[in-house]
């Protein structure tokens, strides 16, 4: 079993309130969930208007599949015009890592 984790650090352009920011973040999380078989959520900077960290996780029997899935999620977020990706970190864990 392989577990993959992806942390995407975002700058959200043009936000004037937390309400606007939450709308954009919810849209990102929903779009990721529709397009990919992963779990995702906002994991940091909930109180900042123009920053967000999105965490994504996936489980598979193949490390290659985990890598492809996380790369696809990252690529989709990078294509968005309403956010700027400041950084992304991918990690893959195996049963032996316990």
PDB file of N, CA and C in Angstrom:
ATOM      1  N   UNK A   1       0.851  -1.179   0.000  1.00  0.00           N
ATOM      2  CA  UNK A   1       0.000   0.000   0.000  1.00  0.00           C
ATOM      3  C   UNK A   1       0.892   1.237   0.000  1.00  0.00           C
ATOM      4  N   UNK A   2       0.498   2.222  -0.790  1.00  0.00           N
ATOM      5  CA  UNK A   2       1.212   3.490  -0.877  1.00  0.00           C
ATOM      6  C   UNK A   2       0.246   4.630  -0.561  1.00  0.00           C
ATOM      7  N   UNK A   3       0.709   5.568   0.232  1.00  0.00           N
ATOM      8  CA  UNK A   3      -0.075   6.739   0.601  1.00  0.00           C
ATOM      9  C   UNK A   3       0.666   7.962   0.091  1.00  0.00           C
ATOM     10  N   UNK A   4      -0.029   8.795  -0.638  1.00  0.00           N
ATOM     11  CA  UNK A   4       0.577  10.012  -1.163  1.00  0.00           C
ATOM     12  C   UNK A   4      -0.037  11.242  -0.524  1.00  0.00           C
ATOM     13  N   UNK A   5       0.817  12.224  -0.304  1.00  0.00           N
ATOM     14  CA  UNK A   5       0.357  13.499   0.254  1.00  0.00           C
ATOM     15  C   UNK A   5       0.920  14.631  -0.599  1.00  0.00           C
ATOM     16  N   UNK A   6       0.098  15.625  -0.830  1.00  0.00           N
ATOM     17  CA  UNK A   6       0.493  16.798  -1.597  1.00  0.00           C
ATOM     18  C   UNK A   6       0.063  18.032  -0.823  1.00  0.00           C
ATOM     19  N   UNK A   7       0.981  18.943  -0.610  1.00  0.00           N
ATOM     20  CA  UNK A   7       0.671  20.223   0.020  1.00  0.00           C
ATOM     21  C   UNK A   7       0.900  21.307  -1.014  1.00  0.00           C
ATOM     22  N   UNK A   8      -0.149  22.057  -1.339  1.00  0.00           N
ATOM     23  CA  UNK A   8      -0.061  23.134  -2.329  1.00  0.00           C
ATOM     24  C   UNK A   8      -0.257  24.461  -1.610  1.00  0.00           C
ATOM     25  N   UNK A   9       0.742  25.327  -1.708  1.00  0.00           N
ATOM     26  CA  UNK A   9       0.681  26.652  -1.097  1.00  0.00           C
ATOM     27  C   UNK A   9       0.198  27.636  -2.158  1.00  0.00           C
ATOM     28  N   UNK A  10      -0.865  28.375  -1.841  1.00  0.00           N
ATOM     29  CA  UNK A  10      -1.503  29.256  -2.818  1.00  0.00           C
ATOM     30  C   UNK A  10      -1.547  30.704  -2.365  1.00  0.00           C
ATOM     31  N   UNK A  11      -1.461  31.590  -3.337  1.00  0.00           N
ATOM     32  CA  UNK A  11      -1.833  32.993  -3.152  1.00  0.00           C
ATOM     33  C   UNK A  11      -3.095  33.187  -3.988  1.00  0.00           C
ATOM     34  N   UNK A  12      -4.122  33.718  -3.350  1.00  0.00           N
ATOM     35  CA  UNK A  12      -5.399  33.915  -4.024  1.00  0.00           C
ATOM     36  C   UNK A  12      -5.508  35.397  -4.358  1.00  0.00           C
ATOM     37  N   UNK A  13      -5.571  35.690  -5.631  1.00  0.00           N
ATOM     38  CA  UNK A  13      -5.524  37.075  -6.101  1.00  0.00           C
ATOM     39  C   UNK A  13      -6.839  37.815  -5.868  1.00  0.00           C
ATOM     40  N   UNK A  14      -6.719  39.089  -5.518  1.00  0.00           N
ATOM     41  CA  UNK A  14      -7.858  39.993  -5.503  1.00  0.00           C
ATOM     42  C   UNK A  14      -8.875  39.800  -4.391  1.00  0.00           C
ATOM     43  N   UNK A  15      -8.532  39.103  -3.345  1.00  0.00           N
ATOM     44  CA  UNK A  15      -9.493  38.881  -2.271  1.00  0.00           C
ATOM     45  C   UNK A  15      -9.585  40.112  -1.371  1.00  0.00           C
ATOM     46  N   UNK A  16     -10.822  40.455  -1.003  1.00  0.00           N
ATOM     47  CA  UNK A  16     -11.059  41.587  -0.113  1.00  0.00           C
ATOM     48  C   UNK A  16     -11.710  41.166   1.196  1.00  0.00           C
ATOM     49  N   UNK A  17     -11.999  39.874   1.309  1.00  0.00           N
ATOM     50  CA  UNK A  17     -12.614  39.386   2.546  1.00  0.00           C
ATOM     51  C   UNK A  17     -12.404  37.884   2.663  1.00  0.00           C
ATOM     52  N   UNK A  18     -12.574  37.382   3.880  1.00  0.00           N
ATOM     53  CA  UNK A  18     -12.490  35.941   4.087  1.00  0.00           C
ATOM     54  C   UNK A  18     -13.625  35.208   3.373  1.00  0.00           C
ATOM     55  N   UNK A  19     -14.762  35.859   3.266  1.00  0.00           N
ATOM     56  CA  UNK A  19     -15.905  35.246   2.578  1.00  0.00           C
ATOM     57  C   UNK A  19     -15.563  34.993   1.110  1.00  0.00           C
ATOM     58  N   UNK A  20     -14.946  35.975   0.447  1.00  0.00           N
ATOM     59  CA  UNK A  20     -14.535  35.792  -0.946  1.00  0.00           C
ATOM     60  C   UNK A  20     -13.509  34.676  -1.061  1.00  0.00           C
ATOM     61  N   UNK A  21     -12.554  34.688  -0.144  1.00  0.00           N
ATOM     62  CA  UNK A  21     -11.501  33.672  -0.159  1.00  0.00           C
ATOM     63  C   UNK A  21     -12.101  32.281   0.015  1.00  0.00           C
ATOM     64  N   UNK A  22     -13.008  32.127   0.966  1.00  0.00           N
ATOM     65  CA  UNK A  22     -13.615  30.815   1.213  1.00  0.00           C
ATOM     66  C   UNK A  22     -14.364  30.297  -0.003  1.00  0.00           C
ATOM     67  N   UNK A  23     -14.974  31.202  -0.755  1.00  0.00           N
ATOM     68  CA  UNK A  23     -15.674  30.820  -1.980  1.00  0.00           C
ATOM     69  C   UNK A  23     -14.686  30.221  -2.990  1.00  0.00           C
ATOM     70  N   UNK A  24     -13.540  30.868  -3.165  1.00  0.00           N
ATOM     71  CA  UNK A  24     -12.526  30.380  -4.104  1.00  0.00           C
ATOM     72  C   UNK A  24     -11.952  29.048  -3.627  1.00  0.00           C
ATOM     73  N   UNK A  25     -11.618  28.948  -2.344  1.00  0.00           N
ATOM     74  CA  UNK A  25     -11.041  27.716  -1.802  1.00  0.00           C
ATOM     75  C   UNK A  25     -12.032  26.571  -1.931  1.00  0.00           C
ATOM     76  N   UNK A  26     -13.290  26.817  -1.632  1.00  0.00           N
ATOM     77  CA  UNK A  26     -14.312  25.776  -1.764  1.00  0.00           C
ATOM     78  C   UNK A  26     -14.418  25.309  -3.209  1.00  0.00           C
ATOM     79  N   UNK A  27     -14.330  26.244  -4.145  1.00  0.00           N
ATOM     80  CA  UNK A  27     -14.370  25.902  -5.562  1.00  0.00           C
ATOM     81  C   UNK A  27     -13.185  25.016  -5.948  1.00  0.00           C
ATOM     82  N   UNK A  28     -11.995  25.347  -5.458  1.00  0.00           N
ATOM     83  CA  UNK A  28     -10.807  24.551  -5.750  1.00  0.00           C
ATOM     84  C   UNK A  28     -10.956  23.137  -5.200  1.00  0.00           C
ATOM     85  N   UNK A  29     -11.348  23.028  -3.936  1.00  0.00           N
ATOM     86  CA  UNK A  29     -11.494  21.723  -3.285  1.00  0.00           C
ATOM     87  C   UNK A  29     -12.561  20.886  -4.004  1.00  0.00           C
ATOM     88  N   UNK A  30     -13.667  21.509  -4.371  1.00  0.00           N
ATOM     89  CA  UNK A  30     -14.733  20.798  -5.088  1.00  0.00           C
ATOM     90  C   UNK A  30     -14.257  20.324  -6.451  1.00  0.00           C
ATOM     91  N   UNK A  31     -13.564  21.193  -7.193  1.00  0.00           N
ATOM     92  CA  UNK A  31     -13.062  20.822  -8.519  1.00  0.00           C
ATOM     93  C   UNK A  31     -12.063  19.669  -8.446  1.00  0.00           C
ATOM     94  N   UNK A  32     -11.181  19.705  -7.457  1.00  0.00           N
ATOM     95  CA  UNK A  32     -10.213  18.612  -7.284  1.00  0.00           C
ATOM     96  C   UNK A  32     -10.955  17.309  -6.997  1.00  0.00           C
ATOM     97  N   UNK A  33     -11.928  17.363  -6.101  1.00  0.00           N
ATOM     98  CA  UNK A  33     -12.683  16.165  -5.747  1.00  0.00           C
ATOM     99  C   UNK A  33     -13.465  15.580  -6.905  1.00  0.00           C
ATOM    100  N   UNK A  34     -13.977  16.434  -7.780  1.00  0.00           N
ATOM    101  CA  UNK A  34     -14.723  15.950  -8.955  1.00  0.00           C
ATOM    102  C   UNK A  34     -13.803  15.308  -9.989  1.00  0.00           C
ATOM    103  N   UNK A  35     -12.624  15.884 -10.175  1.00  0.00           N
ATOM    104  CA  UNK A  35     -11.725  15.437 -11.241  1.00  0.00           C
ATOM    105  C   UNK A  35     -10.818  14.277 -10.840  1.00  0.00           C
ATOM    106  N   UNK A  36     -10.592  14.095  -9.549  1.00  0.00           N
ATOM    107  CA  UNK A  36      -9.623  13.108  -9.088  1.00  0.00           C
ATOM    108  C   UNK A  36     -10.194  12.323  -7.904  1.00  0.00           C
ATOM    109  N   UNK A  37      -9.761  11.078  -7.768  1.00  0.00           N
ATOM    110  CA  UNK A  37     -10.192  10.247  -6.647  1.00  0.00           C
ATOM    111  C   UNK A  37      -9.220  10.451  -5.493  1.00  0.00           C
ATOM    112  N   UNK A  38      -9.354  11.600  -4.838  1.00  0.00           N
ATOM    113  CA  UNK A  38      -8.467  11.974  -3.736  1.00  0.00           C
ATOM    114  C   UNK A  38      -9.299  12.640  -2.646  1.00  0.00           C
ATOM    115  N   UNK A  39      -8.690  12.804  -1.489  1.00  0.00           N
ATOM    116  CA  UNK A  39      -9.290  13.595  -0.419  1.00  0.00           C
ATOM    117  C   UNK A  39      -8.513  14.898  -0.342  1.00  0.00           C
ATOM    118  N   UNK A  40      -9.208  16.013  -0.129  1.00  0.00           N
ATOM    119  CA  UNK A  40      -8.496  17.281  -0.025  1.00  0.00           C
ATOM    120  C   UNK A  40      -9.257  18.247   0.881  1.00  0.00           C
ATOM    121  N   UNK A  41      -8.473  19.191   1.443  1.00  0.00           N
ATOM    122  CA  UNK A  41      -9.042  20.189   2.345  1.00  0.00           C
ATOM    123  C   UNK A  41      -8.064  21.336   2.491  1.00  0.00           C
ATOM    124  N   UNK A  42      -8.582  22.490   2.915  1.00  0.00           N
ATOM    125  CA  UNK A  42      -7.714  23.596   3.283  1.00  0.00           C
ATOM    126  C   UNK A  42      -7.104  23.247   4.639  1.00  0.00           C
ATOM    127  N   UNK A  43      -5.780  23.313   4.745  1.00  0.00           N
ATOM    128  CA  UNK A  43      -5.113  22.856   5.967  1.00  0.00           C
ATOM    129  C   UNK A  43      -4.347  23.948   6.708  1.00  0.00           C
ATOM    130  N   UNK A  44      -4.236  25.152   6.130  1.00  0.00           N
ATOM    131  CA  UNK A  44      -3.528  26.227   6.823  1.00  0.00           C
ATOM    132  C   UNK A  44      -3.928  27.568   6.226  1.00  0.00           C
ATOM    133  N   UNK A  45      -3.654  28.615   6.970  1.00  0.00           N
ATOM    134  CA  UNK A  45      -3.922  30.016   6.580  1.00  0.00           C
ATOM    135  C   UNK A  45      -5.414  30.305   6.429  1.00  0.00           C
ATOM    136  N   UNK A  46      -6.247  29.641   7.213  1.00  0.00           N
ATOM    137  CA  UNK A  46      -7.692  29.859   7.117  1.00  0.00           C
ATOM    138  C   UNK A  46      -8.076  31.290   7.461  1.00  0.00           C
ATOM    139  N   UNK A  47      -7.248  31.999   8.224  1.00  0.00           N
ATOM    140  CA  UNK A  47      -7.600  33.344   8.665  1.00  0.00           C
ATOM    141  C   UNK A  47      -6.972  34.446   7.816  1.00  0.00           C
ATOM    142  N   UNK A  48      -6.274  34.092   6.746  1.00  0.00           N
ATOM    143  CA  UNK A  48      -5.660  35.090   5.866  1.00  0.00           C
ATOM    144  C   UNK A  48      -6.461  35.213   4.576  1.00  0.00           C
ATOM    145  N   UNK A  49      -6.629  36.423   4.084  1.00  0.00           N
ATOM    146  CA  UNK A  49      -7.469  36.670   2.917  1.00  0.00           C
ATOM    147  C   UNK A  49      -6.875  36.143   1.616  1.00  0.00           C
ATOM    148  N   UNK A  50      -5.567  36.227   1.460  1.00  0.00           N
ATOM    149  CA  UNK A  50      -4.986  35.924   0.155  1.00  0.00           C
ATOM    150  C   UNK A  50      -4.044  34.724   0.166  1.00  0.00           C
ATOM    151  N   UNK A  51      -4.060  33.922   1.209  1.00  0.00           N
ATOM    152  CA  UNK A  51      -3.203  32.737   1.283  1.00  0.00           C
ATOM    153  C   UNK A  51      -4.044  31.522   1.657  1.00  0.00           C
ATOM    154  N   UNK A  52      -3.594  30.370   1.171  1.00  0.00           N
ATOM    155  CA  UNK A  52      -4.240  29.120   1.538  1.00  0.00           C
ATOM    156  C   UNK A  52      -3.272  27.976   1.283  1.00  0.00           C
ATOM    157  N   UNK A  53      -3.310  26.974   2.120  1.00  0.00           N
ATOM    158  CA  UNK A  53      -2.604  25.725   1.876  1.00  0.00           C
ATOM    159  C   UNK A  53      -3.653  24.640   1.718  1.00  0.00           C
ATOM    160  N   UNK A  54      -3.574  23.911   0.622  1.00  0.00           N
ATOM    161  CA  UNK A  54      -4.487  22.827   0.335  1.00  0.00           C
ATOM    162  C   UNK A  54      -3.732  21.513   0.501  1.00  0.00           C
ATOM    163  N   UNK A  55      -4.277  20.616   1.298  1.00  0.00           N
ATOM    164  CA  UNK A  55      -3.697  19.293   1.473  1.00  0.00           C
ATOM    165  C   UNK A  55      -4.489  18.263   0.694  1.00  0.00           C
ATOM    166  N   UNK A  56      -3.774  17.377   0.015  1.00  0.00           N
ATOM    167  CA  UNK A  56      -4.400  16.336  -0.804  1.00  0.00           C
ATOM    168  C   UNK A  56      -3.788  15.007  -0.405  1.00  0.00           C
ATOM    169  N   UNK A  57      -4.614  13.964  -0.299  1.00  0.00           N
ATOM    170  CA  UNK A  57      -4.085  12.635   0.002  1.00  0.00           C
ATOM    171  C   UNK A  57      -4.735  11.592  -0.901  1.00  0.00           C
ATOM    172  N   UNK A  58      -3.976  10.523  -1.122  1.00  0.00           N
ATOM    173  CA  UNK A  58      -4.451   9.436  -1.975  1.00  0.00           C
ATOM    174  C   UNK A  58      -3.805   8.138  -1.505  1.00  0.00           C
ATOM    175  N   UNK A  59      -4.518   7.029  -1.689  1.00  0.00           N
ATOM    176  CA  UNK A  59      -4.014   5.702  -1.352  1.00  0.00           C
ATOM    177  C   UNK A  59      -4.138   4.822  -2.586  1.00  0.00           C
ATOM    178  N   UNK A  60      -3.084   4.017  -2.850  1.00  0.00           N
ATOM    179  CA  UNK A  60      -3.111   3.111  -3.997  1.00  0.00           C
ATOM    180  C   UNK A  60      -2.173   1.939  -3.733  1.00  0.00           C
ATOM    181  N   UNK A  61      -2.282   0.926  -4.554  1.00  0.00           N
ATOM    182  CA  UNK A  61      -1.382  -0.221  -4.449  1.00  0.00           C
ATOM    183  C   UNK A  61      -0.113  -0.022  -5.272  1.00  0.00           C
ATOM    184  N   UNK A  62      -0.002   1.125  -5.972  1.00  0.00           N
ATOM    185  CA  UNK A  62       1.148   1.397  -6.834  1.00  0.00           C
ATOM    186  C   UNK A  62       1.709   2.788  -6.556  1.00  0.00           C
ATOM    187  N   UNK A  63       3.009   2.865  -6.330  1.00  0.00           N
ATOM    188  CA  UNK A  63       3.651   4.158  -6.104  1.00  0.00           C
ATOM    189  C   UNK A  63       3.554   5.031  -7.352  1.00  0.00           C
ATOM    190  N   UNK A  64       3.669   4.420  -8.508  1.00  0.00           N
ATOM    191  CA  UNK A  64       3.563   5.173  -9.758  1.00  0.00           C
ATOM    192  C   UNK A  64       2.191   5.801  -9.930  1.00  0.00           C
ATOM    193  N   UNK A  65       1.168   5.065  -9.577  1.00  0.00           N
ATOM    194  CA  UNK A  65      -0.199   5.611  -9.675  1.00  0.00           C
ATOM    195  C   UNK A  65      -0.383   6.775  -8.707  1.00  0.00           C
ATOM    196  N   UNK A  66       0.135   6.638  -7.485  1.00  0.00           N
ATOM    197  CA  UNK A  66       0.058   7.742  -6.520  1.00  0.00           C
ATOM    198  C   UNK A  66       0.739   8.975  -7.079  1.00  0.00           C
ATOM    199  N   UNK A  67       1.932   8.805  -7.633  1.00  0.00           N
ATOM    200  CA  UNK A  67       2.681   9.937  -8.203  1.00  0.00           C
ATOM    201  C   UNK A  67       1.912  10.588  -9.347  1.00  0.00           C
ATOM    202  N   UNK A  68       1.349   9.791 -10.239  1.00  0.00           N
ATOM    203  CA  UNK A  68       0.579  10.341 -11.372  1.00  0.00           C
ATOM    204  C   UNK A  68      -0.653  11.102 -10.889  1.00  0.00           C
ATOM    205  N   UNK A  69      -1.333  10.555  -9.882  1.00  0.00           N
ATOM    206  CA  UNK A  69      -2.541  11.218  -9.373  1.00  0.00           C
ATOM    207  C   UNK A  69      -2.201  12.559  -8.734  1.00  0.00           C
ATOM    208  N   UNK A  70      -1.160  12.592  -7.917  1.00  0.00           N
ATOM    209  CA  UNK A  70      -0.774  13.850  -7.271  1.00  0.00           C
ATOM    210  C   UNK A  70      -0.270  14.862  -8.301  1.00  0.00           C
ATOM    211  N   UNK A  71       0.465  14.392  -9.296  1.00  0.00           N
ATOM    212  CA  UNK A  71       0.943  15.288 -10.356  1.00  0.00           C
ATOM    213  C   UNK A  71      -0.237  15.879 -11.133  1.00  0.00           C
ATOM    214  N   UNK A  72      -1.269  15.075 -11.362  1.00  0.00           N
ATOM    215  CA  UNK A  72      -2.465  15.565 -12.061  1.00  0.00           C
ATOM    216  C   UNK A  72      -3.192  16.631 -11.268  1.00  0.00           C
ATOM    217  N   UNK A  73      -3.316  16.432  -9.977  1.00  0.00           N
ATOM    218  CA  UNK A  73      -3.957  17.435  -9.121  1.00  0.00           C
ATOM    219  C   UNK A  73      -3.148  18.728  -9.157  1.00  0.00           C
ATOM    220  N   UNK A  74      -1.836  18.619  -8.994  1.00  0.00           N
ATOM    221  CA  UNK A  74      -0.986  19.806  -8.996  1.00  0.00           C
ATOM    222  C   UNK A  74      -1.087  20.541 -10.333  1.00  0.00           C
ATOM    223  N   UNK A  75      -1.060  19.824 -11.425  1.00  0.00           N
ATOM    224  CA  UNK A  75      -1.165  20.424 -12.755  1.00  0.00           C
ATOM    225  C   UNK A  75      -2.492  21.174 -12.914  1.00  0.00           C
ATOM    226  N   UNK A  76      -3.593  20.569 -12.445  1.00  0.00           N
ATOM    227  CA  UNK A  76      -4.896  21.226 -12.554  1.00  0.00           C
ATOM    228  C   UNK A  76      -4.939  22.524 -11.745  1.00  0.00           C
ATOM    229  N   UNK A  77      -4.369  22.525 -10.554  1.00  0.00           N
ATOM    230  CA  UNK A  77      -4.366  23.737  -9.734  1.00  0.00           C
ATOM    231  C   UNK A  77      -3.476  24.802 -10.371  1.00  0.00           C
ATOM    232  N   UNK A  78      -2.339  24.398 -10.913  1.00  0.00           N
ATOM    233  CA  UNK A  78      -1.433  25.362 -11.552  1.00  0.00           C
ATOM    234  C   UNK A  78      -2.051  26.014 -12.778  1.00  0.00           C
ATOM    235  N   UNK A  79      -3.000  25.365 -13.423  1.00  0.00           N
ATOM    236  CA  UNK A  79      -3.674  25.917 -14.610  1.00  0.00           C
ATOM    237  C   UNK A  79      -4.734  26.961 -14.267  1.00  0.00           C
ATOM    238  N   UNK A  80      -5.121  27.039 -13.017  1.00  0.00           N
ATOM    239  CA  UNK A  80      -6.161  27.989 -12.613  1.00  0.00           C
ATOM    240  C   UNK A  80      -5.628  29.415 -12.739  1.00  0.00           C
ATOM    241  N   UNK A  81      -6.508  30.319 -13.138  1.00  0.00           N
ATOM    242  CA  UNK A  81      -6.109  31.721 -13.283  1.00  0.00           C
ATOM    243  C   UNK A  81      -6.415  32.557 -12.050  1.00  0.00           C
ATOM    244  N   UNK A  82      -7.189  32.019 -11.113  1.00  0.00           N
ATOM    245  CA  UNK A  82      -7.574  32.797  -9.937  1.00  0.00           C
ATOM    246  C   UNK A  82      -6.606  32.628  -8.767  1.00  0.00           C
ATOM    247  N   UNK A  83      -5.603  31.758  -8.916  1.00  0.00           N
ATOM    248  CA  UNK A  83      -4.626  31.540  -7.856  1.00  0.00           C
ATOM    249  C   UNK A  83      -3.218  31.457  -8.441  1.00  0.00           C
ATOM    250  N   UNK A  84      -2.253  31.700  -7.578  1.00  0.00           N
ATOM    251  CA  UNK A  84      -0.845  31.522  -7.928  1.00  0.00           C
ATOM    252  C   UNK A  84      -0.287  30.449  -7.000  1.00  0.00           C
ATOM    253  N   UNK A  85       0.330  29.423  -7.567  1.00  0.00           N
ATOM    254  CA  UNK A  85       0.941  28.372  -6.766  1.00  0.00           C
ATOM    255  C   UNK A  85       2.309  28.868  -6.309  1.00  0.00           C
ATOM    256  N   UNK A  86       2.467  29.007  -5.002  1.00  0.00           N
ATOM    257  CA  UNK A  86       3.731  29.463  -4.428  1.00  0.00           C
ATOM    258  C   UNK A  86       4.690  28.300  -4.197  1.00  0.00           C
ATOM    259  N   UNK A  87       4.144  27.113  -4.013  1.00  0.00           N
ATOM    260  CA  UNK A  87       4.967  25.929  -3.791  1.00  0.00           C
ATOM    261  C   UNK A  87       4.110  24.697  -3.690  1.00  0.00           C
ATOM    262  N   UNK A  88       4.731  23.560  -3.918  1.00  0.00           N
ATOM    263  CA  UNK A  88       4.031  22.279  -3.797  1.00  0.00           C
ATOM    264  C   UNK A  88       5.037  21.233  -3.332  1.00  0.00           C
ATOM    265  N   UNK A  89       4.601  20.418  -2.384  1.00  0.00           N
ATOM    266  CA  UNK A  89       5.454  19.364  -1.835  1.00  0.00           C
ATOM    267  C   UNK A  89       4.711  18.044  -1.915  1.00  0.00           C
ATOM    268  N   UNK A  90       5.330  17.060  -2.566  1.00  0.00           N
ATOM    269  CA  UNK A  90       4.743  15.724  -2.675  1.00  0.00           C
ATOM    270  C   UNK A  90       5.534  14.748  -1.825  1.00  0.00           C
ATOM    271  N   UNK A  91       4.818  13.850  -1.160  1.00  0.00           N
ATOM    272  CA  UNK A  91       5.449  12.796  -0.364  1.00  0.00           C
ATOM    273  C   UNK A  91       4.701  11.498  -0.613  1.00  0.00           C
ATOM    274  N   UNK A  92       5.460  10.409  -0.655  1.00  0.00           N
ATOM    275  CA  UNK A  92       4.857   9.082  -0.804  1.00  0.00           C
ATOM    276  C   UNK A  92       5.383   8.202   0.316  1.00  0.00           C
ATOM    277  N   UNK A  93       4.457   7.546   1.003  1.00  0.00           N
ATOM    278  CA  UNK A  93       4.791   6.691   2.140  1.00  0.00           C
ATOM    279  C   UNK A  93       4.371   5.256   1.823  1.00  0.00           C
ATOM    280  N   UNK A  94       5.130   4.292   2.352  1.00  0.00           N
ATOM    281  CA  UNK A  94       4.795   2.882   2.196  1.00  0.00           C
ATOM    282  C   UNK A  94       4.528   2.279   3.567  1.00  0.00           C
ATOM    283  N   UNK A  95       4.082   1.050   3.557  1.00  0.00           N
ATOM    284  CA  UNK A  95       3.827   0.342   4.827  1.00  0.00           C
ATOM    285  C   UNK A  95       5.094   0.247   5.669  1.00  0.00           C
ATOM    286  N   UNK A  96       6.229   0.156   5.023  1.00  0.00           N
ATOM    287  CA  UNK A  96       7.496   0.052   5.743  1.00  0.00           C
ATOM    288  C   UNK A  96       7.852   1.334   6.496  1.00  0.00           C
ATOM    289  N   UNK A  97       7.233   2.443   6.132  1.00  0.00           N
ATOM    290  CA  UNK A  97       7.519   3.732   6.768  1.00  0.00           C
ATOM    291  C   UNK A  97       6.894   3.846   8.155  1.00  0.00           C
ATOM    292  N   UNK A  98       6.031   2.918   8.537  1.00  0.00           N
ATOM    293  CA  UNK A  98       5.361   3.004   9.831  1.00  0.00           C
ATOM    294  C   UNK A  98       6.315   2.894  10.971  1.00  0.00           C
TER     295      UNK A  98
END
